[in-house]
Amino acid sequence: FYLFPKISNFFGKSDGERTINNSTDFA
């Protein structure tokens, strides 16, 4: 009962305050 999406497209992106460098940052 898990979904495991690939989200590497977001690495290096930012909302202006924080930057997503890896999947832990994303979570």
mmCIF file of all heavy atoms, coordinates in Angstrom:
data_MODEL
# 
_entry.id   MODEL 
# 
loop_
_atom_site.group_PDB 
_atom_site.id 
_atom_site.type_symbol 
_atom_site.label_atom_id 
_atom_site.label_alt_id 
_atom_site.label_comp_id 
_atom_site.label_asym_id 
_atom_site.label_entity_id 
_atom_site.label_seq_id 
_atom_site.pdbx_PDB_ins_code 
_atom_site.Cartn_x 
_atom_site.Cartn_y 
_atom_site.Cartn_z 
_atom_site.occupancy 
_atom_site.B_iso_or_equiv 
_atom_site.pdbx_formal_charge 
_atom_site.auth_seq_id 
_atom_site.auth_comp_id 
_atom_site.auth_asym_id 
_atom_site.auth_atom_id 
_atom_site.pdbx_PDB_model_num 
ATOM 1   N N   . PHE A 1 1  ? 0.835  -1.217 0.000   1.00 0.00 ? 1  PHE A N   1 
ATOM 2   C CA  . PHE A 1 1  ? 0.000  0.000  0.000   1.00 0.00 ? 1  PHE A CA  1 
ATOM 3   C C   . PHE A 1 1  ? 0.865  1.259  0.000   1.00 0.00 ? 1  PHE A C   1 
ATOM 4   O O   . PHE A 1 1  ? 0.679  2.173  0.778   1.00 0.00 ? 1  PHE A O   1 
ATOM 5   C CB  . PHE A 1 1  ? -0.999 0.017  1.164   1.00 0.00 ? 1  PHE A CB  1 
ATOM 6   C CG  . PHE A 1 1  ? -0.502 -0.565 2.467   1.00 0.00 ? 1  PHE A CG  1 
ATOM 7   C CD1 . PHE A 1 1  ? 0.542  0.010  3.162   1.00 0.00 ? 1  PHE A CD1 1 
ATOM 8   C CD2 . PHE A 1 1  ? -1.093 -1.701 2.994   1.00 0.00 ? 1  PHE A CD2 1 
ATOM 9   C CE1 . PHE A 1 1  ? 0.991  -0.512 4.351   1.00 0.00 ? 1  PHE A CE1 1 
ATOM 10  C CE2 . PHE A 1 1  ? -0.649 -2.246 4.196   1.00 0.00 ? 1  PHE A CE2 1 
ATOM 11  C CZ  . PHE A 1 1  ? 0.393  -1.640 4.880   1.00 0.00 ? 1  PHE A CZ  1 
ATOM 12  N N   . TYR A 1 2  ? 1.846  1.228  -0.934  1.00 0.00 ? 2  TYR A N   1 
ATOM 13  C CA  . TYR A 1 2  ? 2.756  2.357  -1.069  1.00 0.00 ? 2  TYR A CA  1 
ATOM 14  C C   . TYR A 1 2  ? 2.833  2.825  -2.517  1.00 0.00 ? 2  TYR A C   1 
ATOM 15  O O   . TYR A 1 2  ? 2.755  2.015  -3.443  1.00 0.00 ? 2  TYR A O   1 
ATOM 16  C CB  . TYR A 1 2  ? 4.177  1.969  -0.639  1.00 0.00 ? 2  TYR A CB  1 
ATOM 17  C CG  . TYR A 1 2  ? 4.254  1.369  0.739   1.00 0.00 ? 2  TYR A CG  1 
ATOM 18  C CD1 . TYR A 1 2  ? 4.487  0.001  0.899   1.00 0.00 ? 2  TYR A CD1 1 
ATOM 19  C CD2 . TYR A 1 2  ? 4.086  2.155  1.869   1.00 0.00 ? 2  TYR A CD2 1 
ATOM 20  C CE1 . TYR A 1 2  ? 4.556  -0.564 2.169   1.00 0.00 ? 2  TYR A CE1 1 
ATOM 21  C CE2 . TYR A 1 2  ? 4.150  1.595  3.142   1.00 0.00 ? 2  TYR A CE2 1 
ATOM 22  C CZ  . TYR A 1 2  ? 4.377  0.242  3.286   1.00 0.00 ? 2  TYR A CZ  1 
ATOM 23  O OH  . TYR A 1 2  ? 4.445  -0.318 4.529   1.00 0.00 ? 2  TYR A OH  1 
ATOM 24  N N   . LEU A 1 3  ? 3.016  4.141  -2.667  1.00 0.00 ? 3  LEU A N   1 
ATOM 25  C CA  . LEU A 1 3  ? 3.358  4.715  -3.968  1.00 0.00 ? 3  LEU A CA  1 
ATOM 26  C C   . LEU A 1 3  ? 4.747  5.319  -3.808  1.00 0.00 ? 3  LEU A C   1 
ATOM 27  O O   . LEU A 1 3  ? 5.056  5.928  -2.778  1.00 0.00 ? 3  LEU A O   1 
ATOM 28  C CB  . LEU A 1 3  ? 2.341  5.784  -4.371  1.00 0.00 ? 3  LEU A CB  1 
ATOM 29  C CG  . LEU A 1 3  ? 2.440  6.281  -5.816  1.00 0.00 ? 3  LEU A CG  1 
ATOM 30  C CD1 . LEU A 1 3  ? 2.090  5.151  -6.793  1.00 0.00 ? 3  LEU A CD1 1 
ATOM 31  C CD2 . LEU A 1 3  ? 1.496  7.467  -6.052  1.00 0.00 ? 3  LEU A CD2 1 
ATOM 32  N N   . PHE A 1 4  ? 5.596  5.138  -4.832  1.00 0.00 ? 4  PHE A N   1 
ATOM 33  C CA  . PHE A 1 4  ? 7.000  5.545  -4.745  1.00 0.00 ? 4  PHE A CA  1 
ATOM 34  C C   . PHE A 1 4  ? 7.349  6.387  -5.976  1.00 0.00 ? 4  PHE A C   1 
ATOM 35  O O   . PHE A 1 4  ? 8.110  5.952  -6.847  1.00 0.00 ? 4  PHE A O   1 
ATOM 36  C CB  . PHE A 1 4  ? 7.863  4.288  -4.646  1.00 0.00 ? 4  PHE A CB  1 
ATOM 37  C CG  . PHE A 1 4  ? 9.215  4.491  -4.028  1.00 0.00 ? 4  PHE A CG  1 
ATOM 38  C CD1 . PHE A 1 4  ? 9.352  4.918  -2.713  1.00 0.00 ? 4  PHE A CD1 1 
ATOM 39  C CD2 . PHE A 1 4  ? 10.371 4.230  -4.753  1.00 0.00 ? 4  PHE A CD2 1 
ATOM 40  C CE1 . PHE A 1 4  ? 10.606 5.077  -2.132  1.00 0.00 ? 4  PHE A CE1 1 
ATOM 41  C CE2 . PHE A 1 4  ? 11.632 4.389  -4.192  1.00 0.00 ? 4  PHE A CE2 1 
ATOM 42  C CZ  . PHE A 1 4  ? 11.755 4.809  -2.868  1.00 0.00 ? 4  PHE A CZ  1 
ATOM 43  N N   . PRO A 1 5  ? 6.793  7.592  -6.066  1.00 0.00 ? 5  PRO A N   1 
ATOM 44  C CA  . PRO A 1 5  ? 7.014  8.409  -7.267  1.00 0.00 ? 5  PRO A CA  1 
ATOM 45  C C   . PRO A 1 5  ? 8.445  8.933  -7.366  1.00 0.00 ? 5  PRO A C   1 
ATOM 46  O O   . PRO A 1 5  ? 9.103  9.197  -6.359  1.00 0.00 ? 5  PRO A O   1 
ATOM 47  C CB  . PRO A 1 5  ? 6.038  9.579  -7.093  1.00 0.00 ? 5  PRO A CB  1 
ATOM 48  C CG  . PRO A 1 5  ? 5.128  9.196  -5.976  1.00 0.00 ? 5  PRO A CG  1 
ATOM 49  C CD  . PRO A 1 5  ? 5.901  8.264  -5.112  1.00 0.00 ? 5  PRO A CD  1 
ATOM 50  N N   . LYS A 1 6  ? 8.888  9.114  -8.596  1.00 0.00 ? 6  LYS A N   1 
ATOM 51  C CA  . LYS A 1 6  ? 10.196 9.723  -8.862  1.00 0.00 ? 6  LYS A CA  1 
ATOM 52  C C   . LYS A 1 6  ? 10.009 11.232 -8.898  1.00 0.00 ? 6  LYS A C   1 
ATOM 53  O O   . LYS A 1 6  ? 9.168  11.749 -9.657  1.00 0.00 ? 6  LYS A O   1 
ATOM 54  C CB  . LYS A 1 6  ? 10.736 9.194  -10.197 1.00 0.00 ? 6  LYS A CB  1 
ATOM 55  C CG  . LYS A 1 6  ? 12.164 9.604  -10.501 1.00 0.00 ? 6  LYS A CG  1 
ATOM 56  C CD  . LYS A 1 6  ? 12.655 8.920  -11.771 1.00 0.00 ? 6  LYS A CD  1 
ATOM 57  C CE  . LYS A 1 6  ? 14.085 9.323  -12.094 1.00 0.00 ? 6  LYS A CE  1 
ATOM 58  N NZ  . LYS A 1 6  ? 14.541 8.716  -13.358 1.00 0.00 ? 6  LYS A NZ  1 
ATOM 59  N N   . ILE A 1 7  ? 10.803 11.942 -8.084  1.00 0.00 ? 7  ILE A N   1 
ATOM 60  C CA  . ILE A 1 7  ? 10.604 13.402 -7.978  1.00 0.00 ? 7  ILE A CA  1 
ATOM 61  C C   . ILE A 1 7  ? 11.916 14.171 -8.163  1.00 0.00 ? 7  ILE A C   1 
ATOM 62  O O   . ILE A 1 7  ? 12.037 15.325 -7.725  1.00 0.00 ? 7  ILE A O   1 
ATOM 63  C CB  . ILE A 1 7  ? 9.919  13.780 -6.633  1.00 0.00 ? 7  ILE A CB  1 
ATOM 64  C CG1 . ILE A 1 7  ? 10.482 12.988 -5.445  1.00 0.00 ? 7  ILE A CG1 1 
ATOM 65  C CG2 . ILE A 1 7  ? 8.427  13.561 -6.711  1.00 0.00 ? 7  ILE A CG2 1 
ATOM 66  C CD1 . ILE A 1 7  ? 11.728 13.506 -4.832  1.00 0.00 ? 7  ILE A CD1 1 
ATOM 67  N N   . SER A 1 8  ? 12.876 13.544 -8.853  1.00 0.00 ? 8  SER A N   1 
ATOM 68  C CA  . SER A 1 8  ? 14.181 14.208 -9.050  1.00 0.00 ? 8  SER A CA  1 
ATOM 69  C C   . SER A 1 8  ? 14.063 15.475 -9.902  1.00 0.00 ? 8  SER A C   1 
ATOM 70  O O   . SER A 1 8  ? 14.976 16.309 -9.905  1.00 0.00 ? 8  SER A O   1 
ATOM 71  C CB  . SER A 1 8  ? 15.182 13.237 -9.668  1.00 0.00 ? 8  SER A CB  1 
ATOM 72  O OG  . SER A 1 8  ? 14.652 12.613 -10.815 1.00 0.00 ? 8  SER A OG  1 
ATOM 73  N N   . ASN A 1 9  ? 12.933 15.630 -10.613 1.00 0.00 ? 9  ASN A N   1 
ATOM 74  C CA  . ASN A 1 9  ? 12.705 16.863 -11.390 1.00 0.00 ? 9  ASN A CA  1 
ATOM 75  C C   . ASN A 1 9  ? 12.707 18.109 -10.506 1.00 0.00 ? 9  ASN A C   1 
ATOM 76  O O   . ASN A 1 9  ? 12.908 19.225 -10.990 1.00 0.00 ? 9  ASN A O   1 
ATOM 77  C CB  . ASN A 1 9  ? 11.351 16.792 -12.116 1.00 0.00 ? 9  ASN A CB  1 
ATOM 78  C CG  . ASN A 1 9  ? 11.357 15.791 -13.252 1.00 0.00 ? 9  ASN A CG  1 
ATOM 79  O OD1 . ASN A 1 9  ? 12.346 15.670 -13.960 1.00 0.00 ? 9  ASN A OD1 1 
ATOM 80  N ND2 . ASN A 1 9  ? 10.274 15.053 -13.427 1.00 0.00 ? 9  ASN A ND2 1 
ATOM 81  N N   . PHE A 1 10 ? 12.436 17.928 -9.204  1.00 0.00 ? 10 PHE A N   1 
ATOM 82  C CA  . PHE A 1 10 ? 12.342 19.083 -8.304  1.00 0.00 ? 10 PHE A CA  1 
ATOM 83  C C   . PHE A 1 10 ? 13.677 19.441 -7.656  1.00 0.00 ? 10 PHE A C   1 
ATOM 84  O O   . PHE A 1 10 ? 13.771 20.475 -6.996  1.00 0.00 ? 10 PHE A O   1 
ATOM 85  C CB  . PHE A 1 10 ? 11.302 18.807 -7.199  1.00 0.00 ? 10 PHE A CB  1 
ATOM 86  C CG  . PHE A 1 10 ? 9.898  18.679 -7.724  1.00 0.00 ? 10 PHE A CG  1 
ATOM 87  C CD1 . PHE A 1 10 ? 9.331  17.429 -7.940  1.00 0.00 ? 10 PHE A CD1 1 
ATOM 88  C CD2 . PHE A 1 10 ? 9.150  19.808 -8.030  1.00 0.00 ? 10 PHE A CD2 1 
ATOM 89  C CE1 . PHE A 1 10 ? 8.043  17.296 -8.435  1.00 0.00 ? 10 PHE A CE1 1 
ATOM 90  C CE2 . PHE A 1 10 ? 7.857  19.685 -8.526  1.00 0.00 ? 10 PHE A CE2 1 
ATOM 91  C CZ  . PHE A 1 10 ? 7.299  18.434 -8.732  1.00 0.00 ? 10 PHE A CZ  1 
ATOM 92  N N   . PHE A 1 11 ? 14.704 18.603 -7.846  1.00 0.00 ? 11 PHE A N   1 
ATOM 93  C CA  . PHE A 1 11 ? 15.986 18.873 -7.199  1.00 0.00 ? 11 PHE A CA  1 
ATOM 94  C C   . PHE A 1 11 ? 16.600 20.143 -7.785  1.00 0.00 ? 11 PHE A C   1 
ATOM 95  O O   . PHE A 1 11 ? 16.641 20.330 -9.009  1.00 0.00 ? 11 PHE A O   1 
ATOM 96  C CB  . PHE A 1 11 ? 16.952 17.696 -7.360  1.00 0.00 ? 11 PHE A CB  1 
ATOM 97  C CG  . PHE A 1 11 ? 16.475 16.429 -6.679  1.00 0.00 ? 11 PHE A CG  1 
ATOM 98  C CD1 . PHE A 1 11 ? 17.114 15.216 -6.910  1.00 0.00 ? 11 PHE A CD1 1 
ATOM 99  C CD2 . PHE A 1 11 ? 15.379 16.429 -5.821  1.00 0.00 ? 11 PHE A CD2 1 
ATOM 100 C CE1 . PHE A 1 11 ? 16.692 14.045 -6.290  1.00 0.00 ? 11 PHE A CE1 1 
ATOM 101 C CE2 . PHE A 1 11 ? 14.939 15.263 -5.197  1.00 0.00 ? 11 PHE A CE2 1 
ATOM 102 C CZ  . PHE A 1 11 ? 15.596 14.066 -5.435  1.00 0.00 ? 11 PHE A CZ  1 
ATOM 103 N N   . GLY A 1 12 ? 17.060 21.003 -6.891  1.00 0.00 ? 12 GLY A N   1 
ATOM 104 C CA  . GLY A 1 12 ? 17.620 22.286 -7.313  1.00 0.00 ? 12 GLY A CA  1 
ATOM 105 C C   . GLY A 1 12 ? 16.593 23.401 -7.408  1.00 0.00 ? 12 GLY A C   1 
ATOM 106 O O   . GLY A 1 12 ? 16.946 24.564 -7.596  1.00 0.00 ? 12 GLY A O   1 
ATOM 107 N N   . LYS A 1 13 ? 15.310 23.054 -7.252  1.00 0.00 ? 13 LYS A N   1 
ATOM 108 C CA  . LYS A 1 13 ? 14.260 24.077 -7.346  1.00 0.00 ? 13 LYS A CA  1 
ATOM 109 C C   . LYS A 1 13 ? 13.970 24.670 -5.961  1.00 0.00 ? 13 LYS A C   1 
ATOM 110 O O   . LYS A 1 13 ? 14.273 24.069 -4.926  1.00 0.00 ? 13 LYS A O   1 
ATOM 111 C CB  . LYS A 1 13 ? 12.993 23.483 -7.953  1.00 0.00 ? 13 LYS A CB  1 
ATOM 112 C CG  . LYS A 1 13 ? 13.211 23.070 -9.410  1.00 0.00 ? 13 LYS A CG  1 
ATOM 113 C CD  . LYS A 1 13 ? 11.919 22.718 -10.110 1.00 0.00 ? 13 LYS A CD  1 
ATOM 114 C CE  . LYS A 1 13 ? 12.182 22.453 -11.593 1.00 0.00 ? 13 LYS A CE  1 
ATOM 115 N NZ  . LYS A 1 13 ? 10.950 22.081 -12.319 1.00 0.00 ? 13 LYS A NZ  1 
ATOM 116 N N   . SER A 1 14 ? 13.368 25.866 -5.975  1.00 0.00 ? 14 SER A N   1 
ATOM 117 C CA  . SER A 1 14 ? 13.154 26.591 -4.728  1.00 0.00 ? 14 SER A CA  1 
ATOM 118 C C   . SER A 1 14 ? 11.809 27.307 -4.730  1.00 0.00 ? 14 SER A C   1 
ATOM 119 O O   . SER A 1 14 ? 11.295 27.672 -5.797  1.00 0.00 ? 14 SER A O   1 
ATOM 120 C CB  . SER A 1 14 ? 14.285 27.616 -4.549  1.00 0.00 ? 14 SER A CB  1 
ATOM 121 O OG  . SER A 1 14 ? 14.016 28.469 -3.468  1.00 0.00 ? 14 SER A OG  1 
ATOM 122 N N   . ASP A 1 15 ? 11.250 27.502 -3.527  1.00 0.00 ? 15 ASP A N   1 
ATOM 123 C CA  . ASP A 1 15 ? 10.024 28.302 -3.416  1.00 0.00 ? 15 ASP A CA  1 
ATOM 124 C C   . ASP A 1 15 ? 10.359 29.731 -3.014  1.00 0.00 ? 15 ASP A C   1 
ATOM 125 O O   . ASP A 1 15 ? 9.477  30.521 -2.666  1.00 0.00 ? 15 ASP A O   1 
ATOM 126 C CB  . ASP A 1 15 ? 9.064  27.680 -2.395  1.00 0.00 ? 15 ASP A CB  1 
ATOM 127 C CG  . ASP A 1 15 ? 9.595  27.721 -0.967  1.00 0.00 ? 15 ASP A CG  1 
ATOM 128 O OD1 . ASP A 1 15 ? 10.785 28.052 -0.781  1.00 0.00 ? 15 ASP A OD1 1 
ATOM 129 O OD2 . ASP A 1 15 ? 8.832  27.411 -0.032  1.00 0.00 ? 15 ASP A OD2 1 
ATOM 130 N N   . GLY A 1 16 ? 11.662 30.061 -3.055  1.00 0.00 ? 16 GLY A N   1 
ATOM 131 C CA  . GLY A 1 16 ? 12.103 31.403 -2.656  1.00 0.00 ? 16 GLY A CA  1 
ATOM 132 C C   . GLY A 1 16 ? 12.694 31.418 -1.265  1.00 0.00 ? 16 GLY A C   1 
ATOM 133 O O   . GLY A 1 16 ? 13.523 32.261 -0.932  1.00 0.00 ? 16 GLY A O   1 
ATOM 134 N N   . GLU A 1 17 ? 12.258 30.475 -0.416  1.00 0.00 ? 17 GLU A N   1 
ATOM 135 C CA  . GLU A 1 17 ? 12.768 30.413 0.964   1.00 0.00 ? 17 GLU A CA  1 
ATOM 136 C C   . GLU A 1 17 ? 13.644 29.189 1.192   1.00 0.00 ? 17 GLU A C   1 
ATOM 137 O O   . GLU A 1 17 ? 14.618 29.239 1.911   1.00 0.00 ? 17 GLU A O   1 
ATOM 138 C CB  . GLU A 1 17 ? 11.605 30.397 1.953   1.00 0.00 ? 17 GLU A CB  1 
ATOM 139 C CG  . GLU A 1 17 ? 10.867 31.718 2.024   1.00 0.00 ? 17 GLU A CG  1 
ATOM 140 C CD  . GLU A 1 17 ? 9.736  31.699 3.042   1.00 0.00 ? 17 GLU A CD  1 
ATOM 141 O OE1 . GLU A 1 17 ? 9.731  30.803 3.908   1.00 0.00 ? 17 GLU A OE1 1 
ATOM 142 O OE2 . GLU A 1 17 ? 8.856  32.576 2.946   1.00 0.00 ? 17 GLU A OE2 1 
ATOM 143 N N   . ARG A 1 18 ? 13.252 28.073 0.592   1.00 0.00 ? 18 ARG A N   1 
ATOM 144 C CA  . ARG A 1 18 ? 14.047 26.849 0.772   1.00 0.00 ? 18 ARG A CA  1 
ATOM 145 C C   . ARG A 1 18 ? 14.261 26.168 -0.567  1.00 0.00 ? 18 ARG A C   1 
ATOM 146 O O   . ARG A 1 18 ? 13.406 26.245 -1.453  1.00 0.00 ? 18 ARG A O   1 
ATOM 147 C CB  . ARG A 1 18 ? 13.387 25.909 1.773   1.00 0.00 ? 18 ARG A CB  1 
ATOM 148 C CG  . ARG A 1 18 ? 12.014 25.440 1.383   1.00 0.00 ? 18 ARG A CG  1 
ATOM 149 C CD  . ARG A 1 18 ? 11.561 24.334 2.318   1.00 0.00 ? 18 ARG A CD  1 
ATOM 150 N NE  . ARG A 1 18 ? 10.947 24.843 3.521   1.00 0.00 ? 18 ARG A NE  1 
ATOM 151 C CZ  . ARG A 1 18 ? 10.768 24.127 4.632   1.00 0.00 ? 18 ARG A CZ  1 
ATOM 152 N NH1 . ARG A 1 18 ? 11.181 22.885 4.684   1.00 0.00 ? 18 ARG A NH1 1 
ATOM 153 N NH2 . ARG A 1 18 ? 10.164 24.641 5.676   1.00 0.00 ? 18 ARG A NH2 1 
ATOM 154 N N   . THR A 1 19 ? 15.409 25.505 -0.690  1.00 0.00 ? 19 THR A N   1 
ATOM 155 C CA  . THR A 1 19 ? 15.767 24.807 -1.921  1.00 0.00 ? 19 THR A CA  1 
ATOM 156 C C   . THR A 1 19 ? 15.696 23.302 -1.680  1.00 0.00 ? 19 THR A C   1 
ATOM 157 O O   . THR A 1 19 ? 16.113 22.814 -0.618  1.00 0.00 ? 19 THR A O   1 
ATOM 158 C CB  . THR A 1 19 ? 17.182 25.204 -2.378  1.00 0.00 ? 19 THR A CB  1 
ATOM 159 O OG1 . THR A 1 19 ? 17.207 26.618 -2.578  1.00 0.00 ? 19 THR A OG1 1 
ATOM 160 C CG2 . THR A 1 19 ? 17.556 24.506 -3.677  1.00 0.00 ? 19 THR A CG2 1 
ATOM 161 N N   . ILE A 1 20 ? 15.192 22.571 -2.661  1.00 0.00 ? 20 ILE A N   1 
ATOM 162 C CA  . ILE A 1 20 ? 15.090 21.103 -2.572  1.00 0.00 ? 20 ILE A CA  1 
ATOM 163 C C   . ILE A 1 20 ? 16.343 20.497 -3.188  1.00 0.00 ? 20 ILE A C   1 
ATOM 164 O O   . ILE A 1 20 ? 16.546 20.571 -4.409  1.00 0.00 ? 20 ILE A O   1 
ATOM 165 C CB  . ILE A 1 20 ? 13.828 20.588 -3.318  1.00 0.00 ? 20 ILE A CB  1 
ATOM 166 C CG1 . ILE A 1 20 ? 12.555 21.304 -2.838  1.00 0.00 ? 20 ILE A CG1 1 
ATOM 167 C CG2 . ILE A 1 20 ? 13.711 19.080 -3.161  1.00 0.00 ? 20 ILE A CG2 1 
ATOM 168 C CD1 . ILE A 1 20 ? 12.241 21.170 -1.385  1.00 0.00 ? 20 ILE A CD1 1 
ATOM 169 N N   . ASN A 1 21 ? 17.208 19.928 -2.351  1.00 0.00 ? 21 ASN A N   1 
ATOM 170 C CA  . ASN A 1 21 ? 18.435 19.315 -2.851  1.00 0.00 ? 21 ASN A CA  1 
ATOM 171 C C   . ASN A 1 21 ? 18.339 17.801 -3.014  1.00 0.00 ? 21 ASN A C   1 
ATOM 172 O O   . ASN A 1 21 ? 19.096 17.203 -3.771  1.00 0.00 ? 21 ASN A O   1 
ATOM 173 C CB  . ASN A 1 21 ? 19.604 19.645 -1.909  1.00 0.00 ? 21 ASN A CB  1 
ATOM 174 C CG  . ASN A 1 21 ? 19.923 21.130 -1.908  1.00 0.00 ? 21 ASN A CG  1 
ATOM 175 O OD1 . ASN A 1 21 ? 20.038 21.723 -2.971  1.00 0.00 ? 21 ASN A OD1 1 
ATOM 176 N ND2 . ASN A 1 21 ? 20.011 21.726 -0.731  1.00 0.00 ? 21 ASN A ND2 1 
ATOM 177 N N   . ASN A 1 22 ? 17.420 17.173 -2.280  1.00 0.00 ? 22 ASN A N   1 
ATOM 178 C CA  . ASN A 1 22 ? 17.293 15.712 -2.317  1.00 0.00 ? 22 ASN A CA  1 
ATOM 179 C C   . ASN A 1 22 ? 15.898 15.301 -1.844  1.00 0.00 ? 22 ASN A C   1 
ATOM 180 O O   . ASN A 1 22 ? 15.078 16.167 -1.516  1.00 0.00 ? 22 ASN A O   1 
ATOM 181 C CB  . ASN A 1 22 ? 18.369 15.057 -1.441  1.00 0.00 ? 22 ASN A CB  1 
ATOM 182 C CG  . ASN A 1 22 ? 18.404 15.667 -0.041  1.00 0.00 ? 22 ASN A CG  1 
ATOM 183 O OD1 . ASN A 1 22 ? 17.380 15.795 0.614   1.00 0.00 ? 22 ASN A OD1 1 
ATOM 184 N ND2 . ASN A 1 22 ? 19.598 16.065 0.406   1.00 0.00 ? 22 ASN A ND2 1 
ATOM 185 N N   . SER A 1 23 ? 15.658 13.993 -1.799  1.00 0.00 ? 23 SER A N   1 
ATOM 186 C CA  . SER A 1 23 ? 14.306 13.524 -1.471  1.00 0.00 ? 23 SER A CA  1 
ATOM 187 C C   . SER A 1 23 ? 13.952 13.759 -0.008  1.00 0.00 ? 23 SER A C   1 
ATOM 188 O O   . SER A 1 23 ? 12.774 13.931 0.323   1.00 0.00 ? 23 SER A O   1 
ATOM 189 C CB  . SER A 1 23 ? 14.156 12.039 -1.828  1.00 0.00 ? 23 SER A CB  1 
ATOM 190 O OG  . SER A 1 23 ? 14.999 11.241 -1.039  1.00 0.00 ? 23 SER A OG  1 
ATOM 191 N N   . THR A 1 24 ? 14.959 13.789 0.871   1.00 0.00 ? 24 THR A N   1 
ATOM 192 C CA  . THR A 1 24 ? 14.666 14.095 2.276   1.00 0.00 ? 24 THR A CA  1 
ATOM 193 C C   . THR A 1 24 ? 14.196 15.541 2.412   1.00 0.00 ? 24 THR A C   1 
ATOM 194 O O   . THR A 1 24 ? 13.231 15.829 3.130   1.00 0.00 ? 24 THR A O   1 
ATOM 195 C CB  . THR A 1 24 ? 15.915 13.844 3.152   1.00 0.00 ? 24 THR A CB  1 
ATOM 196 O OG1 . THR A 1 24 ? 16.280 12.458 3.038   1.00 0.00 ? 24 THR A OG1 1 
ATOM 197 C CG2 . THR A 1 24 ? 15.638 14.171 4.607   1.00 0.00 ? 24 THR A CG2 1 
ATOM 198 N N   . ASP A 1 25 ? 14.869 16.454 1.694   1.00 0.00 ? 25 ASP A N   1 
ATOM 199 C CA  . ASP A 1 25 ? 14.413 17.855 1.664   1.00 0.00 ? 25 ASP A CA  1 
ATOM 200 C C   . ASP A 1 25 ? 12.977 17.930 1.156   1.00 0.00 ? 25 ASP A C   1 
ATOM 201 O O   . ASP A 1 25 ? 12.151 18.687 1.683   1.00 0.00 ? 25 ASP A O   1 
ATOM 202 C CB  . ASP A 1 25 ? 15.287 18.693 0.718   1.00 0.00 ? 25 ASP A CB  1 
ATOM 203 C CG  . ASP A 1 25 ? 16.661 19.006 1.297   1.00 0.00 ? 25 ASP A CG  1 
ATOM 204 O OD1 . ASP A 1 25 ? 16.892 18.698 2.478   1.00 0.00 ? 25 ASP A OD1 1 
ATOM 205 O OD2 . ASP A 1 25 ? 17.492 19.544 0.541   1.00 0.00 ? 25 ASP A OD2 1 
ATOM 206 N N   . PHE A 1 26 ? 12.696 17.138 0.115   1.00 0.00 ? 26 PHE A N   1 
ATOM 207 C CA  . PHE A 1 26 ? 11.361 17.157 -0.497  1.00 0.00 ? 26 PHE A CA  1 
ATOM 208 C C   . PHE A 1 26 ? 10.308 16.697 0.513   1.00 0.00 ? 26 PHE A C   1 
ATOM 209 O O   . PHE A 1 26 ? 9.260  17.337 0.675   1.00 0.00 ? 26 PHE A O   1 
ATOM 210 C CB  . PHE A 1 26 ? 11.351 16.246 -1.729  1.00 0.00 ? 26 PHE A CB  1 
ATOM 211 C CG  . PHE A 1 26 ? 10.085 16.309 -2.538  1.00 0.00 ? 26 PHE A CG  1 
ATOM 212 C CD1 . PHE A 1 26 ? 9.868  17.341 -3.435  1.00 0.00 ? 26 PHE A CD1 1 
ATOM 213 C CD2 . PHE A 1 26 ? 9.099  15.333 -2.404  1.00 0.00 ? 26 PHE A CD2 1 
ATOM 214 C CE1 . PHE A 1 26 ? 8.697  17.408 -4.189  1.00 0.00 ? 26 PHE A CE1 1 
ATOM 215 C CE2 . PHE A 1 26 ? 7.926  15.396 -3.144  1.00 0.00 ? 26 PHE A CE2 1 
ATOM 216 C CZ  . PHE A 1 26 ? 7.724  16.433 -4.040  1.00 0.00 ? 26 PHE A CZ  1 
ATOM 217 N N   . ALA A 1 27 ? 10.602 15.600 1.229   1.00 0.00 ? 27 ALA A N   1 
ATOM 218 C CA  . ALA A 1 27 ? 9.644  15.078 2.220   1.00 0.00 ? 27 ALA A CA  1 
ATOM 219 C C   . ALA A 1 27 ? 9.439  16.081 3.360   1.00 0.00 ? 27 ALA A C   1 
ATOM 220 O O   . ALA A 1 27 ? 8.309  16.274 3.831   1.00 0.00 ? 27 ALA A O   1 
ATOM 221 C CB  . ALA A 1 27 ? 10.130 13.733 2.756   1.00 0.00 ? 27 ALA A CB  1 
# 
